[in-house]
Amino acid sequence: MTAGEHEIQEPDVALTESQRLLFDLVSIPSPSGEEEAAAERLVDFFESHDREVWTDEVGNVHAPADDSVLLTSHIDTVPGDIPVEIREEDGERSLWGRGSVDATGPLAAMAVAAVETGTSFIGVVGEEVDSRGSRHVIESDRPEPDALINGEPSGWTGITLGYRGLLAGTYVATSESGHTSRPENNAIQDAMDWWERVEEEFDPDEYLPVFERVTCKPTSFEGGTSVDGLSVEATMEVQFRVPPEYTVDDVREMADGRLETGTVHWYDRVPPVMESPRTNIARAFRAAVRNAGGDPRLLRKTGTADMNVFASAWDCPMVTYGPGDSDLDHAPNEHLALDEYDQSIEVLIDACERLR
């Protein structure tokens, strides 16, 4: 069997149809920008169950149906070559491979649940880079669903209600070149001084939970004498994770307020999201987890996900849910227990039926 130019390997153990979908999707490399072959496998799955399905101009896979619930997760993964295999340890079978947790496990579980319950599904592209898939969905003419379930690993008993937002920018400073014995700051020092002031601005109380803090991170730095030798230049990429206590604009204004030299070009902003545990969808998931024999856990994530993008445009209740240990996101030992994957499908089907 092939999907695009990628040949899907055969597992060496017997798998159910839902497990085989997961195995196939993990076997197909799908780093951001290269999701087409995995998208084709999703299309094949829905067509085999007589579901309407199509791919839009950016590569999202749409399987529209009952919009009382929209199931959505991302098709892309981060890069990384982890041999795809099923390992058995202490009687538990796990699928190893890039994306098994983030977020091909949730994606496959949602596709299966969508077929079983007749609910709507969208597999989106580009979540790991710029969320271009989810942004395209909300910018299109697609109606807002009654409720939304976003797919990311939470563990089969975990229900994620909140994510911090994201602000990203590029700091640039330039100074005249001169002998290094001169006491005046050059552009590199200006950049370092600005970042020190920023960190002081957002220095948290040590007892404040991470979810409630503004986290500041420089992600890259370049600096030195210009090509013509007449100036010193510094460029720094920076990111801020924004808790619901702040808006993205609040954080931008506070960071800009610490500027004395240089400028910042802010190019990415995603607002934080915090959903109520008392919505119909949160109640449905708690009941579904208990019905499957689990103890539901309400979670807040310190990162950012497509749920933030959807919540910025749609007013429907939403949660994030999916199998897998999020500590294994992007890790070299990424793997997902097949029993947990099966349990998450059971929970998703139950929750969708309650919401319908």
Protein backbone atom coordinates (compact mmCIF):
# COMPACT_ATOMS: atom_id res chain seq x y z
CA MET A 1 0.00 0.00 0.00
CA THR A 2 1.28 3.46 -0.81
CA ALA A 3 0.37 7.02 0.08
CA GLY A 4 1.99 9.52 -2.25
CA GLU A 5 5.61 8.50 -2.71
CA HIS A 6 5.85 6.83 0.71
CA GLU A 7 5.43 3.09 0.96
CA ILE A 8 3.65 2.07 4.15
CA GLN A 9 5.38 -0.79 5.89
CA GLU A 10 3.59 -3.87 7.16
CA PRO A 11 3.34 -4.30 10.94
CA ASP A 12 4.73 -7.51 12.36
CA VAL A 13 1.71 -8.02 14.67
CA ALA A 14 -2.04 -8.17 14.15
CA LEU A 15 -3.75 -4.79 14.49
CA THR A 16 -7.35 -3.60 14.55
CA GLU A 17 -8.50 -1.21 11.83
CA SER A 18 -8.12 1.80 14.13
CA GLN A 19 -4.65 0.68 15.23
CA ARG A 20 -3.65 0.12 11.62
CA LEU A 21 -4.67 3.69 10.74
CA LEU A 22 -2.41 4.95 13.52
CA PHE A 23 0.45 2.69 12.41
CA ASP A 24 0.16 3.83 8.80
CA LEU A 25 0.06 7.53 9.68
CA VAL A 26 3.09 7.25 11.95
CA SER A 27 4.90 5.30 9.22
CA ILE A 28 4.43 8.18 6.76
CA PRO A 29 6.87 11.04 7.43
CA SER A 30 4.84 14.25 7.80
CA PRO A 31 7.02 17.11 9.07
CA SER A 32 5.49 20.57 8.65
CA GLY A 33 5.22 21.38 4.96
CA GLU A 34 5.29 17.72 3.93
CA GLU A 35 1.87 16.52 5.07
CA GLU A 36 0.43 15.54 1.68
CA ALA A 37 1.05 11.77 1.86
CA ALA A 38 -0.39 11.50 5.38
CA ALA A 39 -3.37 13.59 4.27
CA GLU A 40 -3.97 11.12 1.43
CA ARG A 41 -4.07 8.25 3.94
CA LEU A 42 -6.71 10.13 5.94
CA VAL A 43 -8.74 10.72 2.79
CA ASP A 44 -8.55 7.00 1.96
CA PHE A 45 -9.78 6.13 5.45
CA PHE A 46 -12.84 8.37 5.26
CA GLU A 47 -13.65 7.29 1.69
CA SER A 48 -13.50 3.64 2.76
CA HIS A 49 -16.29 4.46 5.22
CA ASP A 50 -18.41 6.28 2.62
CA ARG A 51 -17.78 9.68 4.15
CA GLU A 52 -17.59 12.89 2.16
CA VAL A 53 -13.99 14.11 2.34
CA TRP A 54 -11.87 16.71 0.55
CA THR A 55 -8.58 18.56 0.85
CA ASP A 56 -8.48 22.36 0.74
CA GLU A 57 -5.91 24.63 -0.90
CA VAL A 58 -3.51 24.64 2.07
CA GLY A 59 -3.70 20.86 2.61
CA ASN A 60 -6.28 20.52 5.40
CA VAL A 61 -8.43 17.37 5.26
CA HIS A 62 -12.17 18.06 5.72
CA ALA A 63 -14.76 15.37 6.44
CA PRO A 64 -17.93 17.41 7.14
CA ALA A 65 -20.91 15.84 8.88
CA ASP A 66 -22.86 16.55 12.10
CA ASP A 67 -21.50 19.88 13.34
CA SER A 68 -22.74 19.47 16.91
CA VAL A 69 -19.08 18.48 17.40
CA LEU A 70 -16.00 19.28 15.33
CA LEU A 71 -13.04 16.96 15.90
CA THR A 72 -9.74 18.49 14.77
CA SER A 73 -6.04 17.73 15.18
CA HIS A 74 -2.87 18.44 13.24
CA ILE A 75 -1.35 16.24 10.57
CA ASP A 76 2.20 17.62 10.76
CA THR A 77 4.95 16.55 13.14
CA VAL A 78 8.31 17.99 14.07
CA PRO A 79 11.30 16.49 12.20
CA GLY A 80 12.96 13.40 13.61
CA ASP A 81 13.70 9.90 12.38
CA ILE A 82 12.51 7.38 14.98
CA PRO A 83 12.26 3.80 13.62
CA VAL A 84 8.58 2.81 13.48
CA GLU A 85 8.00 -0.36 15.43
CA ILE A 86 5.65 -1.98 17.91
CA ARG A 87 7.38 -3.01 21.12
CA GLU A 88 5.95 -5.19 23.86
CA GLU A 89 7.15 -4.70 27.42
CA ASP A 90 5.51 -6.13 30.54
CA GLY A 91 2.52 -7.19 28.47
CA GLU A 92 1.93 -3.68 27.04
CA ARG A 93 2.27 -2.96 23.34
CA SER A 94 3.46 0.49 22.30
CA LEU A 95 3.94 2.11 18.91
CA TRP A 96 7.26 3.94 18.58
CA GLY A 97 7.77 6.60 15.95
CA ARG A 98 7.80 10.34 15.34
CA GLY A 99 4.33 11.77 15.84
CA SER A 100 2.91 8.80 17.73
CA VAL A 101 2.16 11.18 20.62
CA ASP A 102 2.27 14.67 19.05
CA ALA A 103 -0.16 14.52 17.50
CA THR A 104 -0.73 11.56 15.17
CA GLY A 105 -2.17 9.51 18.04
CA PRO A 106 -4.89 12.10 18.76
CA LEU A 107 -5.39 12.68 15.01
CA ALA A 108 -6.02 9.00 14.26
CA ALA A 109 -8.24 8.57 17.33
CA MET A 110 -10.36 11.52 16.19
CA ALA A 111 -10.69 10.20 12.65
CA VAL A 112 -11.96 6.88 14.01
CA ALA A 113 -14.37 8.60 16.42
CA ALA A 114 -15.67 10.86 13.64
CA VAL A 115 -16.51 7.81 11.52
CA GLU A 116 -18.12 5.96 14.43
CA THR A 117 -20.30 8.90 15.51
CA GLY A 118 -20.95 10.71 12.24
CA THR A 119 -19.42 13.96 13.48
CA SER A 120 -17.33 16.51 11.60
CA PHE A 121 -13.54 16.23 11.28
CA ILE A 122 -10.71 18.44 10.08
CA GLY A 123 -7.06 17.43 9.96
CA VAL A 124 -5.02 20.64 9.79
CA VAL A 125 -1.49 21.36 8.59
CA GLY A 126 1.34 23.49 9.91
CA GLU A 127 0.54 23.51 13.63
CA GLU A 128 4.15 22.98 14.62
CA VAL A 129 5.26 26.06 12.65
CA ASP A 130 2.65 28.79 12.21
CA SER A 131 -0.80 27.14 12.58
CA ARG A 132 -1.52 28.02 8.96
CA GLY A 133 -4.06 25.19 8.72
CA SER A 134 -6.23 26.29 11.64
CA ARG A 135 -5.86 29.95 10.65
CA HIS A 136 -7.10 29.06 7.16
CA VAL A 137 -10.14 27.31 8.64
CA ILE A 138 -11.25 30.30 10.70
CA GLU A 139 -10.57 32.72 7.84
CA SER A 140 -12.72 30.67 5.45
CA ASP A 141 -16.50 30.68 5.28
CA ARG A 142 -16.81 27.59 7.44
CA PRO A 143 -19.61 27.98 10.02
CA GLU A 144 -18.73 27.80 13.71
CA PRO A 145 -19.50 24.34 15.17
CA ASP A 146 -21.59 23.86 18.32
CA ALA A 147 -18.54 22.47 20.15
CA LEU A 148 -14.91 21.77 19.30
CA ILE A 149 -12.51 19.04 20.43
CA ASN A 150 -8.89 19.79 19.59
CA GLY A 151 -6.45 16.88 19.43
CA GLU A 152 -3.24 17.01 21.47
CA PRO A 153 -1.82 14.53 23.99
CA SER A 154 -3.38 14.82 27.43
CA GLY A 155 -3.39 11.17 28.49
CA TRP A 156 -6.65 9.29 28.07
CA THR A 157 -8.00 10.61 31.39
CA GLY A 158 -6.79 14.21 30.90
CA ILE A 159 -8.98 17.07 29.65
CA THR A 160 -7.10 20.25 28.73
CA LEU A 161 -8.98 23.49 29.32
CA GLY A 162 -6.25 26.10 28.98
CA TYR A 163 -3.14 27.11 27.06
CA ARG A 164 -0.87 30.10 27.38
CA GLY A 165 -0.66 32.44 24.40
CA LEU A 166 2.37 33.30 22.26
CA LEU A 167 4.10 36.54 21.26
CA ALA A 168 7.14 36.35 18.99
CA GLY A 169 9.34 39.07 17.58
CA THR A 170 12.71 40.10 16.20
CA TYR A 171 14.85 42.66 18.03
CA VAL A 172 17.29 44.63 15.83
CA ALA A 173 19.94 47.14 16.93
CA THR A 174 22.76 48.93 15.10
CA SER A 175 25.65 50.98 16.45
CA GLU A 176 28.67 52.70 14.92
CA SER A 177 31.75 50.53 14.74
CA GLY A 178 34.66 51.48 16.94
CA HIS A 179 37.58 50.10 18.88
CA THR A 180 36.59 47.57 21.52
CA SER A 181 38.43 49.65 24.15
CA ARG A 182 35.74 52.36 23.93
CA PRO A 183 33.33 52.38 26.92
CA GLU A 184 30.14 53.05 24.93
CA ASN A 185 27.75 50.16 24.34
CA ASN A 186 27.71 48.53 20.95
CA ALA A 187 24.59 46.96 19.45
CA ILE A 188 25.34 43.56 20.97
CA GLN A 189 25.45 45.07 24.45
CA ASP A 190 22.26 47.03 23.72
CA ALA A 191 20.49 43.77 22.85
CA MET A 192 21.80 42.03 25.97
CA ASP A 193 20.81 44.98 28.18
CA TRP A 194 17.28 45.11 26.72
CA TRP A 195 16.78 41.41 27.34
CA GLU A 196 18.03 41.73 30.92
CA ARG A 197 15.49 44.51 31.53
CA VAL A 198 12.75 42.38 29.98
CA GLU A 199 13.55 39.45 32.25
CA GLU A 200 13.46 41.78 35.26
CA GLU A 201 10.06 43.09 34.11
CA PHE A 202 8.58 39.60 34.04
CA ASP A 203 10.54 38.07 36.93
CA PRO A 204 7.89 35.90 38.63
CA ASP A 205 7.23 35.11 42.25
CA GLU A 206 8.89 31.75 42.81
CA TYR A 207 5.61 30.32 44.12
CA LEU A 208 3.61 31.35 41.06
CA PRO A 209 2.62 28.31 38.92
CA VAL A 210 4.31 28.21 35.53
CA PHE A 211 0.95 28.46 33.73
CA GLU A 212 0.36 31.85 35.39
CA ARG A 213 3.77 33.31 34.49
CA VAL A 214 4.99 35.19 31.44
CA THR A 215 7.89 33.07 30.20
CA CYS A 216 10.55 34.93 28.17
CA LYS A 217 12.89 33.04 25.84
CA PRO A 218 15.47 34.22 23.29
CA THR A 219 15.48 31.59 20.55
CA SER A 220 18.40 32.80 18.39
CA PHE A 221 21.02 35.56 18.31
CA GLU A 222 23.30 36.98 15.63
CA GLY A 223 25.71 39.85 16.12
CA GLY A 224 28.95 41.35 14.91
CA THR A 225 30.55 43.85 12.58
CA SER A 226 28.66 44.58 9.37
CA VAL A 227 30.04 43.50 6.00
CA ASP A 228 31.23 47.03 5.20
CA GLY A 229 32.91 47.32 8.60
CA LEU A 230 31.14 50.57 9.48
CA SER A 231 28.69 49.33 12.10
CA VAL A 232 27.96 46.65 14.68
CA GLU A 233 24.64 44.84 14.26
CA ALA A 234 22.62 42.59 16.57
CA THR A 235 19.51 40.54 15.81
CA MET A 236 17.69 38.45 18.41
CA GLU A 237 14.59 36.27 17.98
CA VAL A 238 12.43 36.26 21.11
CA GLN A 239 9.29 34.51 22.33
CA PHE A 240 6.93 35.14 25.21
CA ARG A 241 4.36 32.68 26.57
CA VAL A 242 1.36 34.65 27.79
CA PRO A 243 -0.93 33.47 30.62
CA PRO A 244 -4.68 34.32 30.61
CA GLU A 245 -4.07 37.03 33.24
CA TYR A 246 -2.48 39.12 30.44
CA THR A 247 -3.35 39.91 26.86
CA VAL A 248 -0.73 39.58 24.15
CA ASP A 249 -0.89 43.37 23.75
CA ASP A 250 -0.16 43.81 27.48
CA VAL A 251 3.05 41.79 27.15
CA ARG A 252 4.09 43.57 23.95
CA GLU A 253 3.65 46.98 25.56
CA MET A 254 5.62 45.94 28.63
CA ALA A 255 8.49 44.59 26.52
CA ASP A 256 8.47 47.68 24.28
CA GLY A 257 8.52 49.82 27.40
CA ARG A 258 11.94 48.40 28.27
CA LEU A 259 13.46 49.51 24.95
CA GLU A 260 16.13 52.20 25.11
CA THR A 261 17.80 51.44 21.79
CA GLY A 262 16.86 49.18 18.92
CA THR A 263 13.45 48.15 17.64
CA VAL A 264 11.29 45.02 17.78
CA HIS A 265 9.24 43.67 14.87
CA TRP A 266 6.42 41.62 16.39
CA TYR A 267 5.35 39.04 13.81
CA ASP A 268 3.35 36.35 15.64
CA ARG A 269 0.66 36.69 18.27
CA VAL A 270 -1.71 34.04 19.61
CA PRO A 271 -3.96 34.90 22.57
CA PRO A 272 -4.15 32.66 25.65
CA VAL A 273 -7.25 30.55 26.24
CA MET A 274 -8.89 29.26 29.41
CA GLU A 275 -12.19 27.39 29.12
CA SER A 276 -14.64 26.81 31.95
CA PRO A 277 -14.88 23.32 33.47
CA ARG A 278 -18.67 23.81 33.58
CA THR A 279 -19.35 23.79 29.83
CA ASN A 280 -21.38 20.98 28.27
CA ILE A 281 -18.28 19.63 26.52
CA ALA A 282 -16.17 19.55 29.70
CA ARG A 283 -19.00 17.74 31.51
CA ALA A 284 -19.37 15.26 28.65
CA PHE A 285 -15.68 14.39 28.82
CA ARG A 286 -15.65 13.95 32.59
CA ALA A 287 -18.61 11.60 32.31
CA ALA A 288 -17.04 9.71 29.40
CA VAL A 289 -13.71 9.21 31.22
CA ARG A 290 -15.52 7.95 34.33
CA ASN A 291 -17.66 5.67 32.20
CA ALA A 292 -14.47 4.13 30.77
CA GLY A 293 -13.15 3.48 34.29
CA GLY A 294 -10.86 6.49 34.61
CA ASP A 295 -10.50 9.40 37.00
CA PRO A 296 -10.78 12.61 34.92
CA ARG A 297 -8.03 15.24 35.31
CA LEU A 298 -8.49 18.88 34.29
CA LEU A 299 -5.29 20.30 32.79
CA ARG A 300 -3.71 23.65 31.90
CA LYS A 301 -0.82 23.51 29.41
CA THR A 302 2.11 25.92 29.48
CA GLY A 303 2.55 25.85 25.69
CA THR A 304 0.31 27.03 22.84
CA ALA A 305 -1.86 24.99 20.45
CA ASP A 306 -4.44 25.31 17.68
CA MET A 307 -7.11 25.56 20.38
CA ASN A 308 -5.84 29.11 20.98
CA VAL A 309 -6.40 29.95 17.31
CA PHE A 310 -9.92 28.53 17.23
CA ALA A 311 -10.84 30.23 20.53
CA SER A 312 -9.68 33.60 19.18
CA ALA A 313 -12.35 33.46 16.46
CA TRP A 314 -15.11 31.09 17.63
CA ASP A 315 -17.25 31.40 20.75
CA CYS A 316 -18.25 27.75 21.01
CA PRO A 317 -17.17 25.65 24.02
CA MET A 318 -14.02 23.61 23.44
CA VAL A 319 -11.49 21.30 25.07
CA THR A 320 -8.28 19.62 24.00
CA TYR A 321 -7.99 15.85 24.36
CA GLY A 322 -5.91 12.95 23.11
CA PRO A 323 -3.91 9.88 24.08
CA GLY A 324 -0.23 10.07 24.97
CA ASP A 325 2.21 11.44 27.51
CA SER A 326 2.98 15.06 26.56
CA ASP A 327 6.42 14.70 28.16
CA LEU A 328 7.25 12.62 25.07
CA ASP A 329 6.34 15.44 22.64
CA HIS A 330 9.24 15.91 20.18
CA ALA A 331 11.35 13.47 22.23
CA PRO A 332 13.74 10.87 20.76
CA ASN A 333 11.82 8.11 22.56
CA GLU A 334 8.33 9.17 21.45
CA HIS A 335 5.89 6.28 21.76
CA LEU A 336 2.24 5.59 22.51
CA ALA A 337 0.67 2.61 24.31
CA LEU A 338 -1.91 1.00 22.03
CA ASP A 339 -4.25 0.28 24.96
CA GLU A 340 -4.29 3.98 25.81
CA TYR A 341 -5.00 4.83 22.18
CA ASP A 342 -7.96 2.41 22.20
CA GLN A 343 -9.26 3.87 25.48
CA SER A 344 -9.09 7.40 24.08
CA ILE A 345 -11.24 6.37 21.11
CA GLU A 346 -13.81 4.92 23.53
CA VAL A 347 -13.85 8.21 25.46
CA LEU A 348 -14.11 10.32 22.30
CA ILE A 349 -17.03 8.27 20.97
CA ASP A 350 -18.85 8.51 24.32
CA ALA A 351 -18.27 12.26 24.62
CA CYS A 352 -19.44 12.90 21.03
CA GLU A 353 -22.59 10.85 21.57
CA ARG A 354 -23.38 12.83 24.73
CA LEU A 355 -22.90 16.11 22.89
CA ARG A 356 -25.11 15.01 19.99
